[in-house]
């Protein structure tokens, strides 16, 4: 089956630590991602939502740029809803991790609630009460789950609050140690969890387990892919690198397995900071790997 993509750019660093990731949608287009996808897929570039470049927000130090985070997510959600109504798969090019709220909210608004596979170096379960830096891209999943202490204006991006329940989430690919706040919270909430060690041991089996969990959780699922899940020494793409990341090959296997599911319903790619690129070859190489992973046979 030919993949049918609507590409939605979300050039925002509103939820990030610093500027940079807002340039990622343009950088991915310039690296040839859409042309590569078009070799085996139907691709419609729907352009970008209105951009936002990070700036300090001393009035809201524990939830910086919250209004813009909510606005960008709502704009993404509107485009995702349109894609769903057109029977196309949304491919959201972020931007920081909070744009994934729009991917989930857009499906909700279209009357198609989804599960979420959260492929990330950390599950973004902090809140303004537990994250002193105040960057909301570390709190995106917490807001989708409506955890205590989250900001009402951000949690209310979609038609339902909360957007997700823990049984509709799969956390994938991080290497958090026992005793870490987010690690413990994943267990406390009963979220399905596929850690980095499991992916390193057998990426195909790990991805299949995540896919099965997502398929069992809802009639459709979407995938959040933050490049900080990658080993920074191999692929220095991320705005904030994490240790013990996945290889590009492991990530490609993961995405190809998930995208091949007949219940796959969309993807966000987030947190690429082009300032970290060591040369002009890495991002085109990443684009080739990503395009390959997004063009499997459904089954």
C-alpha atoms as a PDB file:
ATOM      1  CA  UNK A   1       0.000   0.000   0.000  1.00  0.00           C
ATOM      2  CA  UNK A   2       1.327   3.451  -0.938  1.00  0.00           C
ATOM      3  CA  UNK A   3       1.791   5.713   2.062  1.00  0.00           C
ATOM      4  CA  UNK A   4      -0.230   8.940   1.819  1.00  0.00           C
ATOM      5  CA  UNK A   5       1.339  11.758   3.826  1.00  0.00           C
ATOM      6  CA  UNK A   6       0.306  15.285   4.682  1.00  0.00           C
ATOM      7  CA  UNK A   7       3.468  17.065   5.851  1.00  0.00           C
ATOM      8  CA  UNK A   8       2.866  19.755   8.479  1.00  0.00           C
ATOM      9  CA  UNK A   9       5.731  21.995   9.552  1.00  0.00           C
ATOM     10  CA  UNK A  10       5.753  23.211  13.163  1.00  0.00           C
ATOM     11  CA  UNK A  11       8.699  25.640  13.305  1.00  0.00           C
ATOM     12  CA  UNK A  12       8.522  26.384  17.018  1.00  0.00           C
ATOM     13  CA  UNK A  13      10.984  26.306  19.887  1.00  0.00           C
ATOM     14  CA  UNK A  14       8.420  27.735  22.328  1.00  0.00           C
ATOM     15  CA  UNK A  15       8.794  24.769  24.670  1.00  0.00           C
ATOM     16  CA  UNK A  16      12.543  24.315  24.277  1.00  0.00           C
ATOM     17  CA  UNK A  17      15.512  25.302  26.429  1.00  0.00           C
ATOM     18  CA  UNK A  18      16.878  27.762  23.854  1.00  0.00           C
ATOM     19  CA  UNK A  19      16.323  28.671  20.177  1.00  0.00           C
ATOM     20  CA  UNK A  20      17.333  26.427  17.307  1.00  0.00           C
ATOM     21  CA  UNK A  21      14.783  23.669  16.804  1.00  0.00           C
ATOM     22  CA  UNK A  22      12.359  26.056  15.130  1.00  0.00           C
ATOM     23  CA  UNK A  23      14.578  25.814  12.032  1.00  0.00           C
ATOM     24  CA  UNK A  24      14.228  22.026  11.766  1.00  0.00           C
ATOM     25  CA  UNK A  25      11.252  21.813   9.362  1.00  0.00           C
ATOM     26  CA  UNK A  26      13.062  23.957   6.823  1.00  0.00           C
ATOM     27  CA  UNK A  27      16.310  22.068   7.361  1.00  0.00           C
ATOM     28  CA  UNK A  28      14.615  18.699   6.779  1.00  0.00           C
ATOM     29  CA  UNK A  29      13.000  19.959   3.587  1.00  0.00           C
ATOM     30  CA  UNK A  30      16.350  21.339   2.407  1.00  0.00           C
ATOM     31  CA  UNK A  31      17.969  17.982   3.192  1.00  0.00           C
ATOM     32  CA  UNK A  32      15.608  16.362   0.694  1.00  0.00           C
ATOM     33  CA  UNK A  33      13.249  14.514   3.029  1.00  0.00           C
ATOM     34  CA  UNK A  34      10.088  15.205   1.042  1.00  0.00           C
ATOM     35  CA  UNK A  35      11.682  14.377  -2.314  1.00  0.00           C
ATOM     36  CA  UNK A  36      12.932  11.104  -0.850  1.00  0.00           C
ATOM     37  CA  UNK A  37       9.482  10.247   0.479  1.00  0.00           C
ATOM     38  CA  UNK A  38       7.921  11.013  -2.897  1.00  0.00           C
ATOM     39  CA  UNK A  39       9.916   8.192  -4.493  1.00  0.00           C
ATOM     40  CA  UNK A  40       7.524   5.710  -2.920  1.00  0.00           C
ATOM     41  CA  UNK A  41       4.680   7.713  -1.407  1.00  0.00           C
ATOM     42  CA  UNK A  42       2.026  10.312  -2.069  1.00  0.00           C
ATOM     43  CA  UNK A  43       3.266  13.433  -0.267  1.00  0.00           C
ATOM     44  CA  UNK A  44       1.455  16.751   0.083  1.00  0.00           C
ATOM     45  CA  UNK A  45       3.424  19.508   1.812  1.00  0.00           C
ATOM     46  CA  UNK A  46       0.848  21.583   3.698  1.00  0.00           C
ATOM     47  CA  UNK A  47       3.398  24.206   4.708  1.00  0.00           C
ATOM     48  CA  UNK A  48       4.092  25.526   8.191  1.00  0.00           C
ATOM     49  CA  UNK A  49       1.978  26.752  11.056  1.00  0.00           C
ATOM     50  CA  UNK A  50       2.947  30.196  12.338  1.00  0.00           C
ATOM     51  CA  UNK A  51       6.463  30.031  13.808  1.00  0.00           C
ATOM     52  CA  UNK A  52       7.759  30.941  17.218  1.00  0.00           C
ATOM     53  CA  UNK A  53      11.378  31.376  18.281  1.00  0.00           C
ATOM     54  CA  UNK A  54      12.117  30.660  21.940  1.00  0.00           C
ATOM     55  CA  UNK A  55      12.619  33.610  24.241  1.00  0.00           C
ATOM     56  CA  UNK A  56      12.954  33.788  28.009  1.00  0.00           C
ATOM     57  CA  UNK A  57       9.671  34.200  29.853  1.00  0.00           C
ATOM     58  CA  UNK A  58      10.446  35.603  33.302  1.00  0.00           C
ATOM     59  CA  UNK A  59       6.728  36.081  34.029  1.00  0.00           C
ATOM     60  CA  UNK A  60       6.253  32.280  33.792  1.00  0.00           C
ATOM     61  CA  UNK A  61       9.620  30.825  34.865  1.00  0.00           C
ATOM     62  CA  UNK A  62       8.198  27.359  35.596  1.00  0.00           C
ATOM     63  CA  UNK A  63       6.138  27.110  32.407  1.00  0.00           C
ATOM     64  CA  UNK A  64       7.848  29.309  29.882  1.00  0.00           C
ATOM     65  CA  UNK A  65       6.065  30.494  26.730  1.00  0.00           C
ATOM     66  CA  UNK A  66       2.971  28.501  27.690  1.00  0.00           C
ATOM     67  CA  UNK A  67       0.612  30.564  25.564  1.00  0.00           C
ATOM     68  CA  UNK A  68       2.719  30.019  22.444  1.00  0.00           C
ATOM     69  CA  UNK A  69       3.173  26.317  23.208  1.00  0.00           C
ATOM     70  CA  UNK A  70      -0.614  25.976  23.380  1.00  0.00           C
ATOM     71  CA  UNK A  71      -1.139  28.095  20.260  1.00  0.00           C
ATOM     72  CA  UNK A  72       1.325  26.107  18.137  1.00  0.00           C
ATOM     73  CA  UNK A  73      -0.113  22.786  19.324  1.00  0.00           C
ATOM     74  CA  UNK A  74      -3.633  23.989  18.519  1.00  0.00           C
ATOM     75  CA  UNK A  75      -2.526  25.122  15.049  1.00  0.00           C
ATOM     76  CA  UNK A  76      -0.916  21.725  14.436  1.00  0.00           C
ATOM     77  CA  UNK A  77      -4.086  20.004  15.681  1.00  0.00           C
ATOM     78  CA  UNK A  78      -6.183  21.915  13.158  1.00  0.00           C
ATOM     79  CA  UNK A  79      -3.950  20.744  10.314  1.00  0.00           C
ATOM     80  CA  UNK A  80      -3.901  17.165  11.627  1.00  0.00           C
ATOM     81  CA  UNK A  81      -7.690  17.097  11.822  1.00  0.00           C
ATOM     82  CA  UNK A  82      -7.851  18.236   8.204  1.00  0.00           C
ATOM     83  CA  UNK A  83      -5.404  15.496   7.203  1.00  0.00           C
ATOM     84  CA  UNK A  84      -7.454  12.832   8.978  1.00  0.00           C
ATOM     85  CA  UNK A  85     -10.617  14.026   7.257  1.00  0.00           C
ATOM     86  CA  UNK A  86      -8.744  13.800   3.943  1.00  0.00           C
ATOM     87  CA  UNK A  87      -7.781  10.206   4.847  1.00  0.00           C
ATOM     88  CA  UNK A  88      -4.100  11.103   4.853  1.00  0.00           C
ATOM     89  CA  UNK A  89      -1.360  10.413   7.388  1.00  0.00           C
ATOM     90  CA  UNK A  90      -0.051  13.504   9.193  1.00  0.00           C
ATOM     91  CA  UNK A  91       3.741  13.838   9.329  1.00  0.00           C
ATOM     92  CA  UNK A  92       4.508  16.684  11.727  1.00  0.00           C
ATOM     93  CA  UNK A  93       7.991  18.157  11.427  1.00  0.00           C
ATOM     94  CA  UNK A  94       8.867  19.965  14.677  1.00  0.00           C
ATOM     95  CA  UNK A  95       9.999  22.001  16.415  1.00  0.00           C
ATOM     96  CA  UNK A  96      10.120  20.989  20.028  1.00  0.00           C
ATOM     97  CA  UNK A  97       8.361  18.006  21.593  1.00  0.00           C
ATOM     98  CA  UNK A  98       5.199  19.898  22.502  1.00  0.00           C
ATOM     99  CA  UNK A  99       4.065  19.865  18.864  1.00  0.00           C
ATOM    100  CA  UNK A 100       3.117  16.213  19.458  1.00  0.00           C
ATOM    101  CA  UNK A 101       0.217  17.457  21.572  1.00  0.00           C
ATOM    102  CA  UNK A 102      -1.205  18.781  18.322  1.00  0.00           C
ATOM    103  CA  UNK A 103      -0.784  15.416  16.608  1.00  0.00           C
ATOM    104  CA  UNK A 104      -2.800  13.669  19.332  1.00  0.00           C
ATOM    105  CA  UNK A 105      -5.332  16.494  19.722  1.00  0.00           C
ATOM    106  CA  UNK A 106      -5.956  16.649  15.977  1.00  0.00           C
ATOM    107  CA  UNK A 107      -6.972  13.021  15.879  1.00  0.00           C
ATOM    108  CA  UNK A 108      -9.181  13.561  18.918  1.00  0.00           C
ATOM    109  CA  UNK A 109     -10.914  16.483  17.200  1.00  0.00           C
ATOM    110  CA  UNK A 110     -11.432  14.350  14.098  1.00  0.00           C
ATOM    111  CA  UNK A 111     -13.300  11.799  16.199  1.00  0.00           C
ATOM    112  CA  UNK A 112     -10.449   9.305  16.083  1.00  0.00           C
ATOM    113  CA  UNK A 113      -8.825   9.020  19.546  1.00  0.00           C
ATOM    114  CA  UNK A 114      -5.422   7.381  19.323  1.00  0.00           C
ATOM    115  CA  UNK A 115      -2.778   5.629  21.378  1.00  0.00           C
ATOM    116  CA  UNK A 116       0.732   7.092  21.435  1.00  0.00           C
ATOM    117  CA  UNK A 117       4.144   5.436  21.135  1.00  0.00           C
ATOM    118  CA  UNK A 118       6.566   7.909  22.725  1.00  0.00           C
ATOM    119  CA  UNK A 119      10.035   7.292  21.258  1.00  0.00           C
ATOM    120  CA  UNK A 120      12.216   9.697  23.235  1.00  0.00           C
ATOM    121  CA  UNK A 121      15.308   9.957  25.385  1.00  0.00           C
ATOM    122  CA  UNK A 122      12.955  10.749  28.287  1.00  0.00           C
ATOM    123  CA  UNK A 123       9.179  10.437  28.632  1.00  0.00           C
ATOM    124  CA  UNK A 124       8.538  14.162  29.270  1.00  0.00           C
ATOM    125  CA  UNK A 125       6.558  13.564  32.446  1.00  0.00           C
ATOM    126  CA  UNK A 126       7.830  16.576  34.374  1.00  0.00           C
ATOM    127  CA  UNK A 127       5.463  19.351  35.439  1.00  0.00           C
ATOM    128  CA  UNK A 128       6.048  22.989  36.375  1.00  0.00           C
ATOM    129  CA  UNK A 129       6.309  21.771  39.963  1.00  0.00           C
ATOM    130  CA  UNK A 130       9.094  19.278  39.216  1.00  0.00           C
ATOM    131  CA  UNK A 131      11.005  20.975  36.373  1.00  0.00           C
ATOM    132  CA  UNK A 132      12.941  24.027  37.602  1.00  0.00           C
ATOM    133  CA  UNK A 133      14.032  25.076  34.098  1.00  0.00           C
ATOM    134  CA  UNK A 134      10.415  25.584  33.048  1.00  0.00           C
ATOM    135  CA  UNK A 135      10.889  24.216  29.516  1.00  0.00           C
ATOM    136  CA  UNK A 136       7.574  22.694  28.503  1.00  0.00           C
ATOM    137  CA  UNK A 137       9.116  20.253  26.033  1.00  0.00           C
ATOM    138  CA  UNK A 138      10.067  18.191  29.098  1.00  0.00           C
ATOM    139  CA  UNK A 139       6.394  18.190  30.131  1.00  0.00           C
ATOM    140  CA  UNK A 140       4.473  17.364  26.952  1.00  0.00           C
ATOM    141  CA  UNK A 141       3.329  13.869  27.861  1.00  0.00           C
ATOM    142  CA  UNK A 142       2.483  15.016  31.394  1.00  0.00           C
ATOM    143  CA  UNK A 143       0.119  17.600  29.904  1.00  0.00           C
ATOM    144  CA  UNK A 144      -1.468  15.083  27.526  1.00  0.00           C
ATOM    145  CA  UNK A 145      -2.106  12.866  30.557  1.00  0.00           C
ATOM    146  CA  UNK A 146      -3.375  15.811  32.619  1.00  0.00           C
ATOM    147  CA  UNK A 147      -1.075  15.043  35.540  1.00  0.00           C
ATOM    148  CA  UNK A 148      -1.408  17.096  38.739  1.00  0.00           C
ATOM    149  CA  UNK A 149       0.462  20.377  38.512  1.00  0.00           C
ATOM    150  CA  UNK A 150       0.230  20.760  34.733  1.00  0.00           C
ATOM    151  CA  UNK A 151      -0.922  24.047  33.208  1.00  0.00           C
ATOM    152  CA  UNK A 152      -4.648  24.066  32.351  1.00  0.00           C
ATOM    153  CA  UNK A 153      -4.211  26.198  29.216  1.00  0.00           C
ATOM    154  CA  UNK A 154      -1.676  23.727  27.804  1.00  0.00           C
ATOM    155  CA  UNK A 155      -3.510  20.572  28.891  1.00  0.00           C
ATOM    156  CA  UNK A 156      -6.673  21.914  27.217  1.00  0.00           C
ATOM    157  CA  UNK A 157      -5.247  22.014  23.687  1.00  0.00           C
ATOM    158  CA  UNK A 158      -7.639  19.328  22.406  1.00  0.00           C
ATOM    159  CA  UNK A 159     -11.337  18.547  22.666  1.00  0.00           C
ATOM    160  CA  UNK A 160     -10.782  16.250  25.658  1.00  0.00           C
ATOM    161  CA  UNK A 161      -8.931  16.703  28.935  1.00  0.00           C
ATOM    162  CA  UNK A 162      -6.913  14.653  29.393  1.00  0.00           C
ATOM    163  CA  UNK A 163      -6.007  13.855  25.798  1.00  0.00           C
ATOM    164  CA  UNK A 164      -4.639  10.459  26.833  1.00  0.00           C
ATOM    165  CA  UNK A 165      -4.908   7.892  29.589  1.00  0.00           C
ATOM    166  CA  UNK A 166      -1.863   5.868  30.692  1.00  0.00           C
ATOM    167  CA  UNK A 167      -3.215   2.669  29.128  1.00  0.00           C
ATOM    168  CA  UNK A 168      -2.978   4.359  25.701  1.00  0.00           C
ATOM    169  CA  UNK A 169       0.726   5.232  26.003  1.00  0.00           C
ATOM    170  CA  UNK A 170       3.876   3.248  25.240  1.00  0.00           C
ATOM    171  CA  UNK A 171       7.143   4.819  26.421  1.00  0.00           C
ATOM    172  CA  UNK A 172      10.007   3.610  24.256  1.00  0.00           C
ATOM    173  CA  UNK A 173      13.771   3.838  23.983  1.00  0.00           C
ATOM    174  CA  UNK A 174      14.952   5.759  27.036  1.00  0.00           C
ATOM    175  CA  UNK A 175      17.704   4.683  29.406  1.00  0.00           C
ATOM    176  CA  UNK A 176      16.417   6.140  32.667  1.00  0.00           C
ATOM    177  CA  UNK A 177      17.799   4.472  35.803  1.00  0.00           C
ATOM    178  CA  UNK A 178      15.596   3.085  38.580  1.00  0.00           C
ATOM    179  CA  UNK A 179      14.967   5.824  41.102  1.00  0.00           C
ATOM    180  CA  UNK A 180      14.751   8.532  38.437  1.00  0.00           C
ATOM    181  CA  UNK A 181      11.615  10.661  38.837  1.00  0.00           C
ATOM    182  CA  UNK A 182      10.264   9.863  35.381  1.00  0.00           C
ATOM    183  CA  UNK A 183      11.225   6.178  35.541  1.00  0.00           C
ATOM    184  CA  UNK A 184       9.303   5.804  38.781  1.00  0.00           C
ATOM    185  CA  UNK A 185       6.342   7.726  37.391  1.00  0.00           C
ATOM    186  CA  UNK A 186       6.093   5.451  34.341  1.00  0.00           C
ATOM    187  CA  UNK A 187       5.821   2.486  36.706  1.00  0.00           C
ATOM    188  CA  UNK A 188       3.393   4.256  39.037  1.00  0.00           C
ATOM    189  CA  UNK A 189       1.074   5.151  36.174  1.00  0.00           C
ATOM    190  CA  UNK A 190       1.243   1.646  34.698  1.00  0.00           C
ATOM    191  CA  UNK A 191       2.466   2.872  31.308  1.00  0.00           C
ATOM    192  CA  UNK A 192       3.768   0.219  28.898  1.00  0.00           C
ATOM    193  CA  UNK A 193       7.540   0.560  28.799  1.00  0.00           C
ATOM    194  CA  UNK A 194      10.172  -0.618  26.319  1.00  0.00           C
ATOM    195  CA  UNK A 195      13.582   0.631  27.571  1.00  0.00           C
ATOM    196  CA  UNK A 196      16.712   1.233  25.535  1.00  0.00           C
ATOM    197  CA  UNK A 197      18.360  -1.951  26.817  1.00  0.00           C
ATOM    198  CA  UNK A 198      15.596  -4.015  25.266  1.00  0.00           C
ATOM    199  CA  UNK A 199      15.946  -2.188  21.953  1.00  0.00           C
ATOM    200  CA  UNK A 200      19.724  -2.678  21.929  1.00  0.00           C
ATOM    201  CA  UNK A 201      19.279  -6.405  22.600  1.00  0.00           C
ATOM    202  CA  UNK A 202      16.760  -7.011  19.792  1.00  0.00           C
ATOM    203  CA  UNK A 203      15.391  -3.937  18.003  1.00  0.00           C
ATOM    204  CA  UNK A 204      12.905  -5.877  15.886  1.00  0.00           C
ATOM    205  CA  UNK A 205      11.408  -7.667  18.893  1.00  0.00           C
ATOM    206  CA  UNK A 206      11.297  -4.473  20.963  1.00  0.00           C
ATOM    207  CA  UNK A 207       9.534  -2.585  18.197  1.00  0.00           C
ATOM    208  CA  UNK A 208       7.103  -5.449  17.699  1.00  0.00           C
ATOM    209  CA  UNK A 209       6.242  -5.409  21.413  1.00  0.00           C
ATOM    210  CA  UNK A 210       5.605  -1.671  21.305  1.00  0.00           C
ATOM    211  CA  UNK A 211       3.490  -2.041  18.187  1.00  0.00           C
ATOM    212  CA  UNK A 212       1.410  -4.816  19.727  1.00  0.00           C
ATOM    213  CA  UNK A 213       0.820  -2.765  22.878  1.00  0.00           C
ATOM    214  CA  UNK A 214      -0.269   0.266  20.851  1.00  0.00           C
ATOM    215  CA  UNK A 215      -2.522  -1.814  18.615  1.00  0.00           C
ATOM    216  CA  UNK A 216      -4.187  -3.328  21.682  1.00  0.00           C
ATOM    217  CA  UNK A 217      -4.712   0.068  23.306  1.00  0.00           C
ATOM    218  CA  UNK A 218      -6.768   1.825  20.620  1.00  0.00           C
ATOM    219  CA  UNK A 219      -8.100   1.421  17.075  1.00  0.00           C
ATOM    220  CA  UNK A 220      -5.218   3.604  15.841  1.00  0.00           C
ATOM    221  CA  UNK A 221      -1.927   4.941  17.163  1.00  0.00           C
ATOM    222  CA  UNK A 222       0.543   7.715  16.423  1.00  0.00           C
ATOM    223  CA  UNK A 223       4.272   7.917  17.049  1.00  0.00           C
ATOM    224  CA  UNK A 224       6.335  10.678  18.632  1.00  0.00           C
ATOM    225  CA  UNK A 225       9.992  10.520  17.593  1.00  0.00           C
ATOM    226  CA  UNK A 226      12.415  12.820  19.404  1.00  0.00           C
ATOM    227  CA  UNK A 227      15.927  12.611  17.965  1.00  0.00           C
ATOM    228  CA  UNK A 228      17.380  12.834  21.474  1.00  0.00           C
ATOM    229  CA  UNK A 229      16.612   9.106  21.650  1.00  0.00           C
ATOM    230  CA  UNK A 230      19.592   8.630  19.314  1.00  0.00           C
ATOM    231  CA  UNK A 231      23.183   8.085  20.397  1.00  0.00           C
ATOM    232  CA  UNK A 232      24.539  11.613  20.125  1.00  0.00           C
ATOM    233  CA  UNK A 233      28.047  10.442  19.246  1.00  0.00           C
ATOM    234  CA  UNK A 234      26.652   8.732  16.125  1.00  0.00           C
ATOM    235  CA  UNK A 235      23.972  11.254  15.203  1.00  0.00           C
ATOM    236  CA  UNK A 236      24.510  14.644  16.869  1.00  0.00           C
ATOM    237  CA  UNK A 237      21.147  16.022  15.851  1.00  0.00           C
ATOM    238  CA  UNK A 238      19.362  16.612  19.131  1.00  0.00           C
ATOM    239  CA  UNK A 239      18.825  19.908  20.887  1.00  0.00           C
ATOM    240  CA  UNK A 240      19.608  18.233  24.227  1.00  0.00           C
ATOM    241  CA  UNK A 241      21.406  14.887  23.866  1.00  0.00           C
ATOM    242  CA  UNK A 242      20.736  11.951  26.133  1.00  0.00           C
ATOM    243  CA  UNK A 243      23.251   9.228  27.079  1.00  0.00           C
ATOM    244  CA  UNK A 244      23.050   5.614  25.900  1.00  0.00           C
ATOM    245  CA  UNK A 245      20.885   6.390  22.910  1.00  0.00           C
ATOM    246  CA  UNK A 246      19.725   4.180  20.061  1.00  0.00           C
ATOM    247  CA  UNK A 247      21.747   3.723  16.913  1.00  0.00           C
ATOM    248  CA  UNK A 248      20.339   5.006  13.642  1.00  0.00           C
ATOM    249  CA  UNK A 249      19.811   1.401  12.570  1.00  0.00           C
ATOM    250  CA  UNK A 250      17.858   0.617  15.753  1.00  0.00           C
ATOM    251  CA  UNK A 251      15.713   3.714  15.272  1.00  0.00           C
ATOM    252  CA  UNK A 252      15.078   2.831  11.619  1.00  0.00           C
ATOM    253  CA  UNK A 253      13.955  -0.673  12.566  1.00  0.00           C
ATOM    254  CA  UNK A 254      11.697   0.781  15.241  1.00  0.00           C
ATOM    255  CA  UNK A 255      10.011   3.288  12.946  1.00  0.00           C
ATOM    256  CA  UNK A 256       9.642   0.861  10.042  1.00  0.00           C
ATOM    257  CA  UNK A 257       7.961  -1.689  12.325  1.00  0.00           C
ATOM    258  CA  UNK A 258       5.540   0.856  13.748  1.00  0.00           C
ATOM    259  CA  UNK A 259       4.728   2.544  10.448  1.00  0.00           C
ATOM    260  CA  UNK A 260       3.990  -0.828   8.843  1.00  0.00           C
ATOM    261  CA  UNK A 261       1.083  -1.419  11.223  1.00  0.00           C
ATOM    262  CA  UNK A 262      -2.357  -1.115   9.631  1.00  0.00           C
ATOM    263  CA  UNK A 263      -3.299   0.929  12.717  1.00  0.00           C
ATOM    264  CA  UNK A 264      -0.496   3.483  12.318  1.00  0.00           C
ATOM    265  CA  UNK A 265      -2.044   6.950  12.005  1.00  0.00           C
ATOM    266  CA  UNK A 266       0.736   9.562  12.018  1.00  0.00           C
ATOM    267  CA  UNK A 267       4.170  10.667  13.194  1.00  0.00           C
ATOM    268  CA  UNK A 268       5.932  13.666  14.683  1.00  0.00           C
ATOM    269  CA  UNK A 269       9.688  14.228  14.371  1.00  0.00           C
ATOM    270  CA  UNK A 270      11.064  16.650  16.939  1.00  0.00           C
ATOM    271  CA  UNK A 271      14.046  18.391  18.548  1.00  0.00           C
ATOM    272  CA  UNK A 272      16.508  18.556  15.637  1.00  0.00           C
ATOM    273  CA  UNK A 273      18.948  21.417  16.190  1.00  0.00           C
ATOM    274  CA  UNK A 274      20.841  22.083  12.977  1.00  0.00           C
ATOM    275  CA  UNK A 275      23.458  24.089  14.899  1.00  0.00           C
ATOM    276  CA  UNK A 276      24.781  20.774  16.238  1.00  0.00           C
ATOM    277  CA  UNK A 277      25.469  19.250  12.831  1.00  0.00           C
ATOM    278  CA  UNK A 278      29.190  18.502  12.386  1.00  0.00           C
ATOM    279  CA  UNK A 279      29.045  18.645   8.585  1.00  0.00           C
ATOM    280  CA  UNK A 280      26.721  18.966   5.603  1.00  0.00           C
ATOM    281  CA  UNK A 281      26.293  15.200   5.233  1.00  0.00           C
ATOM    282  CA  UNK A 282      24.587  14.131   8.459  1.00  0.00           C
ATOM    283  CA  UNK A 283      21.133  15.640   7.962  1.00  0.00           C
ATOM    284  CA  UNK A 284      20.746  14.340   4.369  1.00  0.00           C
ATOM    285  CA  UNK A 285      21.857  10.928   5.637  1.00  0.00           C
ATOM    286  CA  UNK A 286      19.296  11.095   8.426  1.00  0.00           C
ATOM    287  CA  UNK A 287      16.656  12.140   5.878  1.00  0.00           C
ATOM    288  CA  UNK A 288      17.466   9.092   3.746  1.00  0.00           C
ATOM    289  CA  UNK A 289      17.216   6.764   6.740  1.00  0.00           C
ATOM    290  CA  UNK A 290      13.973   8.371   7.907  1.00  0.00           C
ATOM    291  CA  UNK A 291      12.409   8.262   4.444  1.00  0.00           C
ATOM    292  CA  UNK A 292      13.344   4.605   4.130  1.00  0.00           C
ATOM    293  CA  UNK A 293      11.756   3.795   7.467  1.00  0.00           C
ATOM    294  CA  UNK A 294       8.575   5.640   6.497  1.00  0.00           C
ATOM    295  CA  UNK A 295       8.091   3.718   3.266  1.00  0.00           C
ATOM    296  CA  UNK A 296       7.495   0.102   4.332  1.00  0.00           C
ATOM    297  CA  UNK A 297       4.796  -2.189   3.064  1.00  0.00           C
ATOM    298  CA  UNK A 298       1.782  -2.153   5.350  1.00  0.00           C
ATOM    299  CA  UNK A 299       1.133  -5.412   7.137  1.00  0.00           C
END
